Protein backbone atom coordinates (compact mmCIF):
# COMPACT_ATOMS: atom_id res chain seq x y z
CA UNK A 1 12.41 -1.57 -40.45
CA UNK A 2 10.22 -0.46 -37.57
CA UNK A 3 9.60 -2.63 -34.52
CA UNK A 4 6.06 -3.56 -35.57
CA UNK A 5 7.18 -5.06 -38.90
CA UNK A 6 10.20 -6.61 -37.22
CA UNK A 7 7.92 -8.36 -34.73
CA UNK A 8 5.53 -9.55 -37.46
CA UNK A 9 8.38 -11.10 -39.45
CA UNK A 10 9.82 -12.81 -36.38
CA UNK A 11 6.42 -14.20 -35.43
CA UNK A 12 5.53 -15.52 -38.88
CA UNK A 13 8.98 -17.05 -39.38
CA UNK A 14 9.00 -18.41 -35.79
CA UNK A 15 12.45 -16.96 -35.20
CA UNK A 16 12.52 -17.80 -31.52
CA UNK A 17 16.03 -16.58 -30.76
CA UNK A 18 15.46 -13.19 -32.37
CA UNK A 19 12.09 -12.85 -30.61
CA UNK A 20 13.82 -13.70 -27.37
CA UNK A 21 16.19 -10.76 -27.82
CA UNK A 22 13.41 -8.45 -28.94
CA UNK A 23 11.33 -9.26 -25.85
CA UNK A 24 14.27 -8.41 -23.60
CA UNK A 25 14.32 -4.81 -24.79
CA UNK A 26 11.75 -2.12 -24.09
CA UNK A 27 9.97 -3.21 -27.25
CA UNK A 28 6.28 -2.86 -26.28
CA UNK A 29 6.22 0.94 -26.51
CA UNK A 30 7.14 0.75 -30.22
CA UNK A 31 4.56 -1.85 -31.29
CA UNK A 32 1.20 -1.30 -32.98
CA UNK A 33 -0.64 -4.36 -31.67
CA UNK A 34 -3.64 -3.93 -33.95
CA UNK A 35 -1.45 -4.22 -37.04
CA UNK A 36 0.36 -7.25 -35.63
CA UNK A 37 -2.92 -9.01 -34.81
CA UNK A 38 -4.21 -8.40 -38.32
CA UNK A 39 -1.07 -9.85 -39.91
CA UNK A 40 -0.85 -12.99 -37.78
CA UNK A 41 -4.58 -13.79 -37.99
CA UNK A 42 -5.12 -17.55 -38.44
CA UNK A 43 -1.39 -18.24 -38.09
CA UNK A 44 -0.17 -20.81 -35.57
CA UNK A 45 3.34 -21.56 -34.34
CA UNK A 46 4.97 -21.39 -30.89
CA UNK A 47 6.01 -17.76 -31.31
CA UNK A 48 2.56 -16.67 -32.43
CA UNK A 49 0.89 -18.62 -29.61
CA UNK A 50 3.19 -17.07 -27.02
CA UNK A 51 2.49 -13.63 -28.43
CA UNK A 52 -1.27 -14.23 -28.31
CA UNK A 53 -0.94 -15.37 -24.72
CA UNK A 54 0.98 -12.19 -23.94
CA UNK A 55 -1.58 -9.80 -25.43
CA UNK A 56 -4.50 -11.56 -23.73
CA UNK A 57 -2.68 -11.46 -20.41
CA UNK A 58 -1.84 -7.75 -20.69
CA UNK A 59 -4.88 -6.54 -22.68
CA UNK A 60 -2.87 -5.22 -25.64
CA UNK A 61 -5.31 -4.73 -28.49
CA UNK A 62 -7.76 -7.21 -26.95
CA UNK A 63 -9.83 -7.53 -23.80
CA UNK A 64 -7.88 -9.09 -20.94
CA UNK A 65 -8.56 -12.81 -20.70
CA UNK A 66 -6.40 -14.96 -18.43
CA UNK A 67 -8.03 -18.19 -19.63
CA UNK A 68 -7.04 -17.48 -23.22
CA UNK A 69 -3.59 -16.35 -22.12
CA UNK A 70 -3.04 -19.64 -20.29
CA UNK A 71 -4.34 -21.58 -23.28
CA UNK A 72 -1.96 -19.97 -25.77
CA UNK A 73 1.03 -20.04 -23.41
CA UNK A 74 0.46 -23.74 -22.85
CA UNK A 75 0.28 -24.41 -26.60
CA UNK A 76 3.65 -22.70 -27.03
CA UNK A 77 5.14 -24.42 -23.98
CA UNK A 78 4.13 -27.80 -25.38
CA UNK A 79 6.39 -26.99 -28.32
CA UNK A 80 9.27 -25.95 -26.07
CA UNK A 81 9.03 -22.17 -26.47
CA UNK A 82 11.23 -20.70 -23.72
CA UNK A 83 9.53 -17.28 -23.71
CA UNK A 84 6.17 -19.01 -23.16
CA UNK A 85 7.69 -21.12 -20.37
CA UNK A 86 8.74 -17.90 -18.64
CA UNK A 87 5.33 -16.29 -19.19
CA UNK A 88 3.44 -19.34 -17.93
CA UNK A 89 5.68 -19.36 -14.85
CA UNK A 90 4.72 -15.73 -14.13
CA UNK A 91 1.02 -16.59 -14.24
CA UNK A 92 1.53 -19.33 -11.65
CA UNK A 93 3.80 -17.04 -9.60
CA UNK A 94 1.19 -14.28 -9.48
CA UNK A 95 -1.95 -16.44 -9.43
CA UNK A 96 -3.30 -14.98 -12.66
CA UNK A 97 -6.12 -17.17 -13.95
CA UNK A 98 -4.83 -20.03 -11.81
CA UNK A 99 -4.25 -20.70 -8.15
CA UNK A 100 -0.89 -19.31 -7.08
CA UNK A 101 1.65 -22.11 -7.28
CA UNK A 102 5.33 -21.33 -6.71
CA UNK A 103 6.33 -24.93 -7.35
CA UNK A 104 4.95 -24.81 -10.90
CA UNK A 105 6.39 -21.32 -11.37
CA UNK A 106 9.85 -22.59 -10.44
CA UNK A 107 9.43 -25.60 -12.73
CA UNK A 108 8.64 -23.52 -15.82
CA UNK A 109 11.27 -20.91 -14.99
CA UNK A 110 13.91 -23.60 -14.81
CA UNK A 111 12.79 -25.00 -18.20
CA UNK A 112 13.22 -21.55 -19.70
CA UNK A 113 16.56 -20.95 -18.01
CA UNK A 114 17.85 -24.27 -19.32
CA UNK A 115 17.31 -22.78 -22.78
CA UNK A 116 19.14 -19.60 -21.81
CA UNK A 117 16.09 -17.35 -21.38
CA UNK A 118 17.44 -14.28 -19.63
CA UNK A 119 14.02 -12.97 -18.55
CA UNK A 120 13.49 -16.21 -16.67
CA UNK A 121 16.87 -15.73 -15.01
CA UNK A 122 15.69 -12.35 -13.74
CA UNK A 123 12.39 -13.78 -12.52
CA UNK A 124 14.06 -16.66 -10.69
CA UNK A 125 16.42 -14.16 -9.06
CA UNK A 126 13.38 -12.24 -7.84
CA UNK A 127 11.99 -15.36 -6.16
CA UNK A 128 15.31 -15.96 -4.39
CA UNK A 129 15.55 -12.30 -3.37
CA UNK A 130 12.12 -12.33 -1.75
CA UNK A 131 11.97 -15.94 -0.57
CA UNK A 132 8.89 -16.79 -2.65
CA UNK A 133 8.55 -20.53 -3.10
CA UNK A 134 12.20 -20.96 -2.10
CA UNK A 135 14.31 -20.09 0.91
CA UNK A 136 15.51 -16.51 0.66
CA UNK A 137 19.00 -16.53 -0.83
CA UNK A 138 20.61 -13.23 -1.82
CA UNK A 139 23.66 -15.00 -3.23
CA UNK A 140 21.55 -16.92 -5.76
CA UNK A 141 19.49 -13.83 -6.47
CA UNK A 142 22.66 -11.89 -7.31
CA UNK A 143 23.90 -14.75 -9.48
CA UNK A 144 20.79 -14.88 -11.66
CA UNK A 145 20.35 -11.10 -11.77
CA UNK A 146 23.95 -10.84 -12.98
CA UNK A 147 23.39 -13.46 -15.68
CA UNK A 148 20.33 -11.61 -16.96
CA UNK A 149 21.88 -8.15 -16.65
CA UNK A 150 24.94 -9.26 -18.62
CA UNK A 151 22.56 -10.24 -21.45
CA UNK A 152 21.02 -6.78 -21.45
CA UNK A 153 17.77 -7.45 -19.53
CA UNK A 154 16.92 -3.95 -18.40
CA UNK A 155 14.81 -4.85 -15.36
CA UNK A 156 17.57 -7.19 -14.16
CA UNK A 157 20.03 -4.31 -14.44
CA UNK A 158 17.72 -2.22 -12.28
CA UNK A 159 17.30 -5.05 -9.77
CA UNK A 160 21.04 -5.59 -9.57
CA UNK A 161 21.47 -1.88 -8.91
CA UNK A 162 18.94 -2.17 -6.09
CA UNK A 163 20.90 -5.05 -4.51
CA UNK A 164 24.06 -2.93 -4.50
CA UNK A 165 22.30 0.18 -3.22
CA UNK A 166 20.66 -1.56 -0.28
CA UNK A 167 23.40 -4.09 0.49
CA UNK A 168 21.38 -7.22 -0.30
CA UNK A 169 23.92 -10.04 -0.18
CA UNK A 170 26.77 -7.70 -1.13
CA UNK A 171 28.63 -4.82 0.42
CA UNK A 172 26.83 -1.55 -0.19
CA UNK A 173 28.23 0.04 -3.33
CA UNK A 174 26.55 3.20 -4.63
CA UNK A 175 28.86 3.42 -7.63
CA UNK A 176 27.81 -0.01 -8.87
CA UNK A 177 24.19 0.80 -8.10
CA UNK A 178 24.54 3.96 -10.18
CA UNK A 179 26.16 2.00 -12.99
CA UNK A 180 23.42 -0.62 -13.28
CA UNK A 181 20.61 1.91 -12.84
CA UNK A 182 22.11 3.92 -15.69
CA UNK A 183 22.19 0.84 -17.94
CA UNK A 184 18.49 0.27 -17.27
CA UNK A 185 17.70 3.97 -17.67
CA UNK A 186 19.32 3.92 -21.08
CA UNK A 187 16.69 1.34 -22.05
CA UNK A 188 13.86 3.50 -20.74
CA UNK A 189 12.99 1.59 -17.55
CA UNK A 190 10.89 3.96 -15.43
CA UNK A 191 11.68 2.42 -12.04
CA UNK A 192 15.40 2.71 -12.82
CA UNK A 193 14.87 6.37 -13.76
CA UNK A 194 13.23 6.88 -10.38
CA UNK A 195 16.03 5.06 -8.55
CA UNK A 196 18.73 7.00 -10.35
CA UNK A 197 16.95 10.25 -9.50
CA UNK A 198 16.94 9.21 -5.83
CA UNK A 199 20.72 8.77 -5.86
CA UNK A 200 21.21 12.22 -7.39
CA UNK A 201 18.76 13.87 -5.02
CA UNK A 202 20.49 12.43 -1.95
CA UNK A 203 24.07 12.52 -3.23
CA UNK A 204 24.65 8.78 -2.89
CA UNK A 205 27.58 7.59 -4.99
CA UNK A 206 27.47 10.88 -6.85
CA UNK A 207 27.51 14.60 -6.10
CA UNK A 208 24.07 15.82 -5.03
CA UNK A 209 22.30 17.24 -8.05
CA UNK A 210 18.66 18.34 -7.75
CA UNK A 211 18.51 19.24 -11.43
CA UNK A 212 19.36 15.70 -12.52
CA UNK A 213 17.05 14.28 -9.86
CA UNK A 214 14.17 16.34 -11.25
CA UNK A 215 15.07 15.30 -14.79
CA UNK A 216 14.96 11.57 -14.08
CA UNK A 217 11.90 11.80 -11.80
CA UNK A 218 10.15 13.64 -14.61
CA UNK A 219 11.09 10.95 -17.16
CA UNK A 220 9.69 8.24 -14.92
CA UNK A 221 6.61 10.23 -13.95
CA UNK A 222 5.82 10.86 -17.61
CA UNK A 223 5.78 7.07 -18.10
CA UNK A 224 3.17 6.79 -15.36
CA UNK A 225 5.45 5.53 -12.59
CA UNK A 226 3.51 6.28 -9.40
CA UNK A 227 6.60 6.23 -7.18
CA UNK A 228 8.31 8.86 -9.31
CA UNK A 229 5.12 10.94 -9.45
CA UNK A 230 5.07 11.02 -5.65
CA UNK A 231 8.77 11.86 -5.45
CA UNK A 232 8.47 14.62 -8.05
CA UNK A 233 5.54 16.08 -6.09
CA UNK A 234 7.69 16.12 -2.94
CA UNK A 235 10.34 18.19 -4.68
CA UNK A 236 7.72 20.74 -5.73
CA UNK A 237 6.06 20.76 -2.31
CA UNK A 238 9.29 21.30 -0.38
CA UNK A 239 11.11 23.44 -2.95
CA UNK A 240 13.98 21.02 -3.60
CA UNK A 241 15.84 22.29 -6.64
CA UNK A 242 12.76 24.12 -7.87
CA UNK A 243 10.58 27.00 -6.78
CA UNK A 244 7.90 25.80 -4.37
CA UNK A 245 4.78 24.98 -6.35
CA UNK A 246 1.85 23.50 -4.42
CA UNK A 247 -0.25 23.26 -7.56
CA UNK A 248 2.26 20.98 -9.29
CA UNK A 249 2.79 19.02 -6.08
CA UNK A 250 -0.94 18.46 -5.79
CA UNK A 251 -1.10 17.39 -9.45
CA UNK A 252 1.58 14.73 -9.15
CA UNK A 253 0.36 13.49 -5.77
CA UNK A 254 -3.08 13.06 -7.32
CA UNK A 255 -1.64 11.08 -10.25
CA UNK A 256 0.25 8.85 -7.83
CA UNK A 257 -2.73 8.43 -5.49
CA UNK A 258 -5.02 7.53 -8.39
CA UNK A 259 -2.69 4.63 -9.19
CA UNK A 260 -3.03 3.36 -5.62
CA UNK A 261 0.38 4.50 -4.37
CA UNK A 262 0.09 4.74 -0.58
CA UNK A 263 2.74 7.47 -0.27
CA UNK A 264 0.95 9.58 -2.86
CA UNK A 265 -2.34 9.03 -1.02
CA UNK A 266 -0.84 9.98 2.34
CA UNK A 267 0.86 13.09 0.99
CA UNK A 268 -2.27 14.17 -0.85
CA UNK A 269 -4.17 13.76 2.43
CA UNK A 270 -1.57 15.96 4.13
CA UNK A 271 -2.10 18.75 1.60
CA UNK A 272 -5.86 18.65 2.04
CA UNK A 273 -5.51 18.63 5.83
CA UNK A 274 -3.27 21.69 5.81
CA UNK A 275 -4.80 23.49 2.85
CA UNK A 276 -1.58 23.57 0.82
CA UNK A 277 -2.34 24.42 -2.79
CA UNK A 278 -5.98 23.59 -2.20
CA UNK A 279 -8.81 24.63 0.08
CA UNK A 280 -8.54 22.87 3.44
CA UNK A 281 -10.72 19.79 3.38
CA UNK A 282 -10.65 17.43 6.35
CA UNK A 283 -13.03 15.00 4.69
CA UNK A 284 -10.68 14.42 1.75
CA UNK A 285 -7.67 14.34 4.07
CA UNK A 286 -9.29 11.59 6.10
CA UNK A 287 -10.25 9.70 2.92
CA UNK A 288 -6.72 9.60 1.54
CA UNK A 289 -5.15 8.84 4.91
CA UNK A 290 -7.53 5.92 5.26
CA UNK A 291 -6.70 4.59 1.78
CA UNK A 292 -2.99 4.71 2.54
CA UNK A 293 -3.34 3.32 6.07
CA UNK A 294 -5.31 0.37 4.73
CA UNK A 295 -2.26 -0.47 2.61
CA UNK A 296 -0.03 -0.45 5.68
CA UNK A 297 1.57 2.96 5.20
CA UNK A 298 2.99 3.88 8.61
CA UNK A 299 2.87 7.65 7.97
CA UNK A 300 -0.80 7.48 7.08
CA UNK A 301 -1.51 5.29 10.11
CA UNK A 302 0.07 7.95 12.29
CA UNK A 303 -1.86 10.75 10.58
CA UNK A 304 -5.13 8.88 10.90
CA UNK A 305 -4.40 8.26 14.58
CA UNK A 306 -3.78 11.98 15.03
CA UNK A 307 -7.17 12.85 13.53
CA UNK A 308 -8.92 10.42 15.87
CA UNK A 309 -6.95 11.65 18.88
CA UNK A 310 -7.88 15.28 18.29
CA UNK A 311 -11.33 14.75 16.84
CA UNK A 312 -10.54 16.24 13.44
CA UNK A 313 -13.45 15.51 11.05
CA UNK A 314 -14.37 12.54 13.25
CA UNK A 315 -15.58 12.15 16.80
CA UNK A 316 -12.67 12.03 19.21
CA UNK A 317 -11.85 8.37 19.72
CA UNK A 318 -8.81 7.47 21.81
CA UNK A 319 -9.30 3.77 21.18
CA UNK A 320 -9.02 4.15 17.39
CA UNK A 321 -6.20 6.66 17.76
CA UNK A 322 -4.33 4.18 19.95
CA UNK A 323 -4.92 1.42 17.37
CA UNK A 324 -3.51 3.39 14.43
CA UNK A 325 -0.58 4.70 16.45
CA UNK A 326 0.23 1.12 17.42
CA UNK A 327 0.19 0.01 13.77
CA UNK A 328 2.58 2.83 12.95
CA UNK A 329 4.83 2.08 15.94
CA UNK A 330 5.17 -1.53 14.81
CA UNK A 331 6.82 -0.17 11.67
CA UNK A 332 9.29 1.95 13.66
CA UNK A 333 7.54 5.32 13.86
CA UNK A 334 8.90 6.94 17.03
CA UNK A 335 6.65 10.01 16.74
CA UNK A 336 3.62 7.74 16.94
CA UNK A 337 5.03 6.22 20.11
CA UNK A 338 5.27 9.64 21.76
CA UNK A 339 1.70 10.52 20.85
CA UNK A 340 0.47 7.13 22.00
CA UNK A 341 2.01 7.82 25.41
CA UNK A 342 0.06 11.09 25.54
CA UNK A 343 -3.12 9.13 24.91
CA UNK A 344 -2.29 6.76 27.75
CA UNK A 345 -1.65 9.76 29.99
CA UNK A 346 -4.92 11.39 28.94
CA UNK A 347 -6.72 8.10 29.33
CA UNK A 348 -5.35 7.74 32.86
CA UNK A 349 -6.16 11.31 33.86
CA UNK A 350 -9.53 11.44 32.14
CA UNK A 351 -10.38 7.98 33.34
CA UNK A 352 -9.80 9.00 36.98
CA UNK A 353 -11.80 12.19 36.49
CA UNK A 354 -14.57 10.23 34.85
CA UNK A 355 -14.55 7.76 37.77
CA UNK A 356 -14.74 10.58 40.34
CA UNK A 357 -17.45 12.34 38.38
CA UNK A 358 -19.43 9.13 38.06
CA UNK A 359 -19.14 8.43 41.78
CA UNK A 360 -20.03 12.01 42.69
CA UNK A 361 -23.06 11.89 40.47
CA UNK A 362 -24.07 8.58 42.00
CA UNK A 363 -23.68 9.94 45.51
CA UNK A 364 -25.79 12.96 44.63
CA UNK A 365 -28.45 10.67 43.20
CA UNK A 366 -28.42 8.60 46.41
CA UNK A 367 -28.53 11.74 48.54
CA UNK A 368 -31.54 13.02 46.61
CA UNK A 369 -33.23 9.66 46.95
CA UNK A 370 -32.63 9.61 50.67
CA UNK A 371 -34.14 13.07 50.96
CA UNK A 372 -37.18 11.90 49.02
CA UNK A 373 -37.57 8.89 51.34
CA UNK A 374 -37.12 11.05 54.42
CA UNK A 375 -39.82 13.45 53.24
CA UNK A 376 -42.12 10.55 52.50
CA UNK A 377 -41.58 9.12 55.94
CA UNK A 378 -42.59 12.43 57.48
CA UNK A 379 -45.72 12.50 55.35
CA UNK A 380 -46.63 8.96 56.41
CA UNK A 381 -45.96 9.76 60.03
CA UNK A 382 -48.36 12.71 59.92
CA UNK A 383 -51.02 10.72 58.11
CA UNK A 384 -50.81 7.83 60.55
CA UNK A 385 -50.19 9.72 63.80
CA UNK A 386 -53.59 8.47 65.17
CA UNK A 387 -52.50 4.84 64.95
CA UNK A 388 -51.46 3.88 68.48
CA UNK A 389 -51.96 0.91 70.78
CA UNK A 390 -55.26 0.91 72.72
CA UNK A 391 -54.82 1.30 76.47
CA UNK A 392 -54.87 -2.02 78.19
CA UNK A 393 -54.35 -4.16 75.18
CA UNK A 394 -52.99 -4.72 71.70
CA UNK A 395 -54.53 -3.44 68.53
CA UNK A 396 -54.96 -0.27 66.60
CA UNK A 397 -57.77 2.19 66.86
CA UNK A 398 -60.00 1.82 63.89
CA UNK A 399 -60.26 5.50 63.08
CA UNK A 400 -59.03 8.94 63.89
CA UNK A 401 -62.32 9.58 65.67
CA UNK A 402 -61.72 6.65 68.05
CA UNK A 403 -58.30 8.01 68.79
CA UNK A 404 -59.68 11.42 69.61
CA UNK A 405 -62.04 9.91 72.20
CA UNK A 406 -59.13 8.99 74.36
CA UNK A 407 -57.29 12.28 74.22
């Protein structure tokens, strides 16, 4: 029986436990939502209501409508459906159709967990990992990720792998990271495919293997994962395990950038700036750097600062260059710090030169003005040379003719 018919039967029979297990697999890629909607039309039970909430939330076969999603989730929650409790919690967690409310998110997650919902366990772990609505607690995050991963929740397996890779609440353990990533990869999770590729590319917990890295990056990129698309592009750009291919690099950077990935945007900007695989285009370079910098990407902030410092496509502007370098420095970019110091040096030198030039110009203006006044004084002196005191008393002669009488 295919997944579509399996889902229809579960929904119509309200087999909550079996639906619960189905939802915890990578089931959505195998479902024809149009067929399911046709079969469950005018049916109503908690499982159907939760499913309707899901498709309206995610726009599967229908136009996205958060109000309807909330309505159907709430109907199912009122009948104790644990999957709906988890889904309603996510809407409050992410502020979808409602004001973001971590307290309500935690409340509904706990209701679902009390019924053994493993997806809710993963989602609660995420809140503890990131300190959202609760105090950050890696120990609790690990506990709930482990519970969910042990029940086969693929995204929890990926998240647990991440905790081991980056030493979040546990000692760094690449072998365990590799193990949990592989479990998630086996269920088709694109972010796990990307993470596993990263371990192979960098030889962490495993012998470095560019071929396997490319394989897993490609799997994830083909699923539309923007992180993997950027990483795959990097391998083509810098000839890592493959022949250098700027055209393919540009293609995957563009896919990543179009999904709003700041690294893809920055790297695409870099290729346009340097004319790699494409005609040099400073305007497009600036555009993509700006998009990435606006998302807080430190590399793009540096690159944007560089364009302002050197007047590339824009008027030279040390103030803006300084600003973007500072943003990049605050994220630990040492190169930006060096270039910012050059700006300060240039500012100091150019500022002194500008001051001297300004003063010199002012002095010249004053000198010219003095010369003008001096010449005018001479003119006035010549014109009024006949004006003298009369002999024997005060007063001016009334005319030049009177003056001449006494000469």
